[in-house]
Amino acid sequence: MRKEEANPTELGSAENCNHRTIYKYIYLEGARSCQLVMGVTHLHPGSSWNTLPAHTHDRRTEIYMYFNLPENARVIHLMGAPDETRHLIMANRMLSLPPYGQSCGCGYASL
């Protein structure tokens, strides 16, 4: 499926530094799968990637892939049980497949 065929959904706001468009590819009304859902997030200018508010996943796993990030950009994931987190610092072209309950993170770039 090409980007032009994906379902764009705008979320967040500039005020909260998380204005983004998620292009949905694999989902109930798009390319169908019995277990997989996939989308690509594009940030709007001035926004940083984040998963706030923090939330938990007891029955599913999220996979994060980062590409086209600037050399100095990083994304910090907080994973694990809320009372026992593990931290993962991600850069361009990195993949995360964490077995976690909590999902919380934010991206940044140094100037």
N, C-alpha and C. Protein backbone atom coordinates (compact mmCIF):
# COMPACT_ATOMS: atom_id res chain seq x y z
N MET A 1 0.85 -1.16 0.00
CA MET A 1 0.00 0.00 0.00
C MET A 1 0.90 1.24 0.00
N ARG A 2 0.59 2.19 -0.85
CA ARG A 2 1.35 3.43 -0.91
C ARG A 2 0.82 4.42 0.12
N LYS A 3 1.65 5.41 0.48
CA LYS A 3 1.26 6.41 1.45
C LYS A 3 -0.04 7.11 1.05
N GLU A 4 -0.23 7.35 -0.24
CA GLU A 4 -1.44 8.02 -0.72
C GLU A 4 -2.70 7.19 -0.45
N GLU A 5 -2.55 5.89 -0.27
CA GLU A 5 -3.68 5.00 -0.01
C GLU A 5 -3.94 4.77 1.48
N ALA A 6 -2.99 5.19 2.32
CA ALA A 6 -3.13 5.00 3.77
C ALA A 6 -4.15 5.99 4.32
N ASN A 7 -4.68 5.69 5.50
CA ASN A 7 -5.66 6.55 6.16
C ASN A 7 -4.94 7.48 7.13
N PRO A 8 -4.82 8.79 6.81
CA PRO A 8 -4.14 9.71 7.72
C PRO A 8 -5.07 10.14 8.86
N THR A 9 -4.54 10.13 10.07
CA THR A 9 -5.29 10.56 11.24
C THR A 9 -4.42 11.53 12.02
N GLU A 10 -4.90 12.76 12.22
CA GLU A 10 -4.14 13.75 12.98
C GLU A 10 -4.47 13.62 14.46
N LEU A 11 -3.42 13.68 15.28
CA LEU A 11 -3.55 13.58 16.73
C LEU A 11 -2.68 14.63 17.39
N GLY A 12 -2.92 14.86 18.68
CA GLY A 12 -2.08 15.76 19.46
C GLY A 12 -2.30 17.21 19.13
N SER A 13 -1.39 18.04 19.64
CA SER A 13 -1.50 19.48 19.42
C SER A 13 -0.12 20.12 19.51
N ALA A 14 0.01 21.30 18.90
CA ALA A 14 1.26 22.05 19.00
C ALA A 14 1.51 22.48 20.44
N GLU A 15 0.44 22.81 21.17
CA GLU A 15 0.58 23.24 22.57
C GLU A 15 1.20 22.16 23.44
N ASN A 16 0.94 20.90 23.12
CA ASN A 16 1.50 19.79 23.90
C ASN A 16 2.73 19.17 23.24
N CYS A 17 3.23 19.81 22.19
CA CYS A 17 4.47 19.38 21.53
C CYS A 17 4.36 17.97 20.96
N ASN A 18 3.13 17.55 20.56
CA ASN A 18 2.98 16.20 20.01
C ASN A 18 2.00 16.16 18.83
N HIS A 19 1.97 17.22 18.03
CA HIS A 19 1.11 17.26 16.85
C HIS A 19 1.70 16.30 15.81
N ARG A 20 0.90 15.33 15.37
CA ARG A 20 1.41 14.30 14.46
C ARG A 20 0.30 13.77 13.59
N THR A 21 0.70 13.17 12.48
CA THR A 21 -0.22 12.46 11.61
C THR A 21 0.21 11.00 11.57
N ILE A 22 -0.72 10.11 11.88
CA ILE A 22 -0.45 8.68 11.80
C ILE A 22 -1.09 8.18 10.51
N TYR A 23 -0.28 7.59 9.64
CA TYR A 23 -0.78 7.00 8.41
C TYR A 23 -1.03 5.52 8.69
N LYS A 24 -2.30 5.14 8.71
CA LYS A 24 -2.68 3.76 9.03
C LYS A 24 -2.62 2.92 7.76
N TYR A 25 -1.89 1.82 7.81
CA TYR A 25 -1.76 0.92 6.67
C TYR A 25 -2.50 -0.39 6.91
N ILE A 26 -2.10 -1.11 7.96
CA ILE A 26 -2.72 -2.40 8.25
C ILE A 26 -3.66 -2.20 9.43
N TYR A 27 -4.96 -2.28 9.16
CA TYR A 27 -5.98 -2.10 10.19
C TYR A 27 -7.30 -2.57 9.60
N LEU A 28 -8.35 -2.54 10.39
CA LEU A 28 -9.63 -3.13 9.99
C LEU A 28 -10.16 -2.59 8.67
N GLU A 29 -10.09 -1.27 8.45
CA GLU A 29 -10.64 -0.71 7.21
C GLU A 29 -9.59 -0.58 6.09
N GLY A 30 -8.33 -0.95 6.34
CA GLY A 30 -7.28 -0.86 5.32
C GLY A 30 -6.86 -2.23 4.86
N ALA A 31 -5.54 -2.44 4.76
CA ALA A 31 -5.02 -3.78 4.48
C ALA A 31 -5.31 -4.61 5.72
N ARG A 32 -6.05 -5.68 5.58
CA ARG A 32 -6.54 -6.43 6.74
C ARG A 32 -5.57 -7.52 7.19
N SER A 33 -5.57 -7.72 8.50
CA SER A 33 -4.79 -8.78 9.13
C SER A 33 -5.56 -9.22 10.37
N CYS A 34 -5.46 -10.48 10.71
CA CYS A 34 -6.20 -10.97 11.88
C CYS A 34 -5.51 -10.57 13.19
N GLN A 35 -4.22 -10.20 13.17
CA GLN A 35 -3.54 -9.88 14.42
C GLN A 35 -2.64 -8.66 14.35
N LEU A 36 -2.29 -8.20 13.18
CA LEU A 36 -1.30 -7.13 13.04
C LEU A 36 -1.98 -5.80 12.73
N VAL A 37 -1.51 -4.73 13.35
CA VAL A 37 -1.92 -3.37 13.05
C VAL A 37 -0.64 -2.58 12.81
N MET A 38 -0.59 -1.75 11.74
CA MET A 38 0.63 -1.00 11.45
C MET A 38 0.30 0.38 10.94
N GLY A 39 1.04 1.35 11.44
CA GLY A 39 0.94 2.72 10.97
C GLY A 39 2.30 3.37 11.04
N VAL A 40 2.44 4.52 10.39
CA VAL A 40 3.67 5.29 10.40
C VAL A 40 3.34 6.68 10.91
N THR A 41 4.09 7.14 11.90
CA THR A 41 3.85 8.45 12.50
C THR A 41 4.77 9.49 11.88
N HIS A 42 4.19 10.60 11.42
CA HIS A 42 4.95 11.75 10.91
C HIS A 42 4.70 12.91 11.86
N LEU A 43 5.77 13.46 12.43
CA LEU A 43 5.65 14.58 13.36
C LEU A 43 5.50 15.89 12.59
N HIS A 44 4.71 16.80 13.15
CA HIS A 44 4.60 18.14 12.59
C HIS A 44 5.73 19.00 13.14
N PRO A 45 6.13 20.08 12.43
CA PRO A 45 7.22 20.93 12.90
C PRO A 45 7.00 21.40 14.33
N GLY A 46 8.07 21.37 15.13
CA GLY A 46 8.01 21.81 16.52
C GLY A 46 7.54 20.75 17.49
N SER A 47 7.19 19.56 17.01
CA SER A 47 6.71 18.49 17.88
C SER A 47 7.79 17.45 18.09
N SER A 48 7.68 16.73 19.19
CA SER A 48 8.59 15.61 19.46
C SER A 48 7.75 14.36 19.68
N TRP A 49 8.30 13.23 19.29
CA TRP A 49 7.57 11.98 19.46
C TRP A 49 7.45 11.70 20.95
N ASN A 50 6.25 11.30 21.37
CA ASN A 50 6.09 10.87 22.75
C ASN A 50 4.87 9.97 22.86
N THR A 51 4.83 9.21 23.92
CA THR A 51 3.70 8.30 24.15
C THR A 51 2.93 8.72 25.39
N LEU A 52 3.01 9.99 25.71
CA LEU A 52 2.33 10.48 26.90
C LEU A 52 0.85 10.68 26.63
N PRO A 53 -0.01 10.38 27.56
CA PRO A 53 0.33 9.90 28.90
C PRO A 53 0.80 8.45 28.86
N ALA A 54 1.56 8.09 29.88
CA ALA A 54 2.04 6.70 29.98
C ALA A 54 0.84 5.77 30.05
N HIS A 55 0.99 4.59 29.49
CA HIS A 55 -0.09 3.62 29.47
C HIS A 55 0.51 2.22 29.49
N THR A 56 -0.31 1.22 29.70
CA THR A 56 0.18 -0.15 29.76
C THR A 56 -0.48 -1.00 28.68
N HIS A 57 0.23 -2.07 28.30
CA HIS A 57 -0.26 -3.06 27.35
C HIS A 57 -0.10 -4.43 27.98
N ASP A 58 -1.20 -5.04 28.32
CA ASP A 58 -1.13 -6.36 28.92
C ASP A 58 -1.28 -7.47 27.88
N ARG A 59 -1.91 -7.17 26.75
CA ARG A 59 -2.23 -8.23 25.78
C ARG A 59 -1.59 -8.04 24.42
N ARG A 60 -0.75 -7.03 24.25
CA ARG A 60 -0.14 -6.84 22.93
C ARG A 60 1.28 -6.32 23.07
N THR A 61 2.01 -6.39 22.00
CA THR A 61 3.38 -5.88 21.93
C THR A 61 3.44 -4.82 20.85
N GLU A 62 4.10 -3.73 21.15
CA GLU A 62 4.34 -2.69 20.15
C GLU A 62 5.79 -2.77 19.71
N ILE A 63 6.00 -2.66 18.41
CA ILE A 63 7.35 -2.64 17.85
C ILE A 63 7.59 -1.24 17.34
N TYR A 64 8.73 -0.66 17.70
CA TYR A 64 9.08 0.69 17.25
C TYR A 64 10.29 0.59 16.34
N MET A 65 10.19 1.20 15.16
CA MET A 65 11.31 1.29 14.23
C MET A 65 11.53 2.76 13.93
N TYR A 66 12.76 3.20 14.00
CA TYR A 66 13.08 4.61 13.77
C TYR A 66 13.95 4.72 12.53
N PHE A 67 13.56 5.63 11.63
CA PHE A 67 14.36 5.86 10.44
C PHE A 67 14.22 7.32 10.03
N ASN A 68 15.21 7.80 9.31
CA ASN A 68 15.30 9.20 8.89
C ASN A 68 15.40 10.16 10.06
N LEU A 69 15.95 9.70 11.19
CA LEU A 69 16.20 10.59 12.31
C LEU A 69 17.53 11.30 12.10
N PRO A 70 17.65 12.56 12.52
CA PRO A 70 18.95 13.23 12.45
C PRO A 70 19.99 12.48 13.29
N GLU A 71 21.24 12.67 12.96
CA GLU A 71 22.34 11.98 13.64
C GLU A 71 22.31 12.22 15.15
N ASN A 72 21.90 13.43 15.57
CA ASN A 72 21.92 13.78 16.99
C ASN A 72 20.59 13.52 17.71
N ALA A 73 19.63 12.87 17.06
CA ALA A 73 18.32 12.63 17.67
C ALA A 73 18.31 11.31 18.43
N ARG A 74 17.58 11.28 19.52
CA ARG A 74 17.41 10.07 20.32
C ARG A 74 15.96 9.96 20.78
N VAL A 75 15.51 8.75 21.02
CA VAL A 75 14.20 8.48 21.59
C VAL A 75 14.44 7.63 22.83
N ILE A 76 13.85 8.04 23.94
CA ILE A 76 14.03 7.33 25.20
C ILE A 76 12.73 6.59 25.52
N HIS A 77 12.83 5.28 25.68
CA HIS A 77 11.68 4.44 26.05
C HIS A 77 11.82 4.07 27.53
N LEU A 78 10.72 4.18 28.24
CA LEU A 78 10.63 3.67 29.61
C LEU A 78 9.74 2.44 29.53
N MET A 79 10.28 1.29 29.89
CA MET A 79 9.56 0.03 29.71
C MET A 79 9.53 -0.74 31.02
N GLY A 80 8.71 -1.74 31.06
CA GLY A 80 8.63 -2.62 32.21
C GLY A 80 7.44 -2.29 33.08
N ALA A 81 7.35 -2.98 34.19
CA ALA A 81 6.28 -2.70 35.15
C ALA A 81 6.45 -1.28 35.68
N PRO A 82 5.36 -0.56 35.93
CA PRO A 82 5.47 0.83 36.40
C PRO A 82 6.35 1.02 37.63
N ASP A 83 6.46 0.01 38.49
CA ASP A 83 7.30 0.14 39.68
C ASP A 83 8.70 -0.42 39.48
N GLU A 84 9.02 -0.87 38.26
CA GLU A 84 10.35 -1.42 37.97
C GLU A 84 10.66 -1.23 36.49
N THR A 85 10.99 0.02 36.11
CA THR A 85 11.18 0.33 34.69
C THR A 85 12.59 0.00 34.22
N ARG A 86 12.69 -0.19 32.94
CA ARG A 86 13.95 -0.34 32.22
C ARG A 86 13.97 0.75 31.16
N HIS A 87 15.13 1.31 30.90
CA HIS A 87 15.23 2.42 29.98
C HIS A 87 16.03 2.01 28.75
N LEU A 88 15.59 2.45 27.58
CA LEU A 88 16.24 2.12 26.33
C LEU A 88 16.38 3.41 25.52
N ILE A 89 17.60 3.72 25.10
CA ILE A 89 17.86 4.92 24.31
C ILE A 89 18.07 4.49 22.86
N MET A 90 17.23 5.02 21.98
CA MET A 90 17.21 4.60 20.58
C MET A 90 17.74 5.72 19.68
N ALA A 91 18.37 5.33 18.57
CA ALA A 91 18.87 6.27 17.56
C ALA A 91 18.32 5.85 16.20
N ASN A 92 18.76 6.55 15.16
CA ASN A 92 18.31 6.25 13.80
C ASN A 92 18.60 4.80 13.43
N ARG A 93 17.66 4.19 12.72
CA ARG A 93 17.77 2.84 12.20
C ARG A 93 17.85 1.78 13.29
N MET A 94 17.21 2.05 14.42
CA MET A 94 17.15 1.08 15.51
C MET A 94 15.74 0.54 15.62
N LEU A 95 15.63 -0.68 16.14
CA LEU A 95 14.36 -1.39 16.29
C LEU A 95 14.21 -1.81 17.74
N SER A 96 13.00 -1.64 18.27
CA SER A 96 12.72 -2.04 19.64
C SER A 96 11.53 -2.99 19.63
N LEU A 97 11.71 -4.16 20.23
CA LEU A 97 10.62 -5.13 20.39
C LEU A 97 10.59 -5.53 21.86
N PRO A 98 10.19 -4.59 22.72
CA PRO A 98 10.27 -4.86 24.15
C PRO A 98 9.10 -5.66 24.68
N PRO A 99 9.37 -6.62 25.55
CA PRO A 99 8.28 -7.31 26.27
C PRO A 99 7.97 -6.51 27.53
N TYR A 100 7.09 -5.56 27.44
CA TYR A 100 6.85 -4.66 28.56
C TYR A 100 5.37 -4.50 28.83
N GLY A 101 5.09 -3.95 29.99
CA GLY A 101 3.72 -3.62 30.32
C GLY A 101 3.48 -2.13 30.15
N GLN A 102 4.42 -1.31 30.59
CA GLN A 102 4.27 0.14 30.52
C GLN A 102 4.79 0.64 29.18
N SER A 103 4.19 1.67 28.65
CA SER A 103 4.64 2.29 27.42
C SER A 103 4.70 3.79 27.64
N CYS A 104 5.91 4.33 27.65
CA CYS A 104 6.09 5.75 27.85
C CYS A 104 7.43 6.13 27.24
N GLY A 105 7.49 7.26 26.56
CA GLY A 105 8.74 7.68 25.97
C GLY A 105 8.64 9.05 25.37
N CYS A 106 9.79 9.60 24.97
CA CYS A 106 9.82 10.90 24.33
C CYS A 106 11.07 10.97 23.48
N GLY A 107 11.02 11.73 22.39
CA GLY A 107 12.16 11.91 21.51
C GLY A 107 12.74 13.30 21.66
N TYR A 108 14.04 13.44 21.34
CA TYR A 108 14.68 14.74 21.40
C TYR A 108 15.82 14.79 20.40
N ALA A 109 16.31 15.99 20.12
CA ALA A 109 17.50 16.17 19.30
C ALA A 109 18.32 17.29 19.92
N SER A 110 19.63 17.09 20.02
CA SER A 110 20.49 18.15 20.56
C SER A 110 20.87 19.10 19.44
N LEU A 111 21.08 20.34 19.79
CA LEU A 111 21.39 21.37 18.77
C LEU A 111 22.86 21.66 18.74
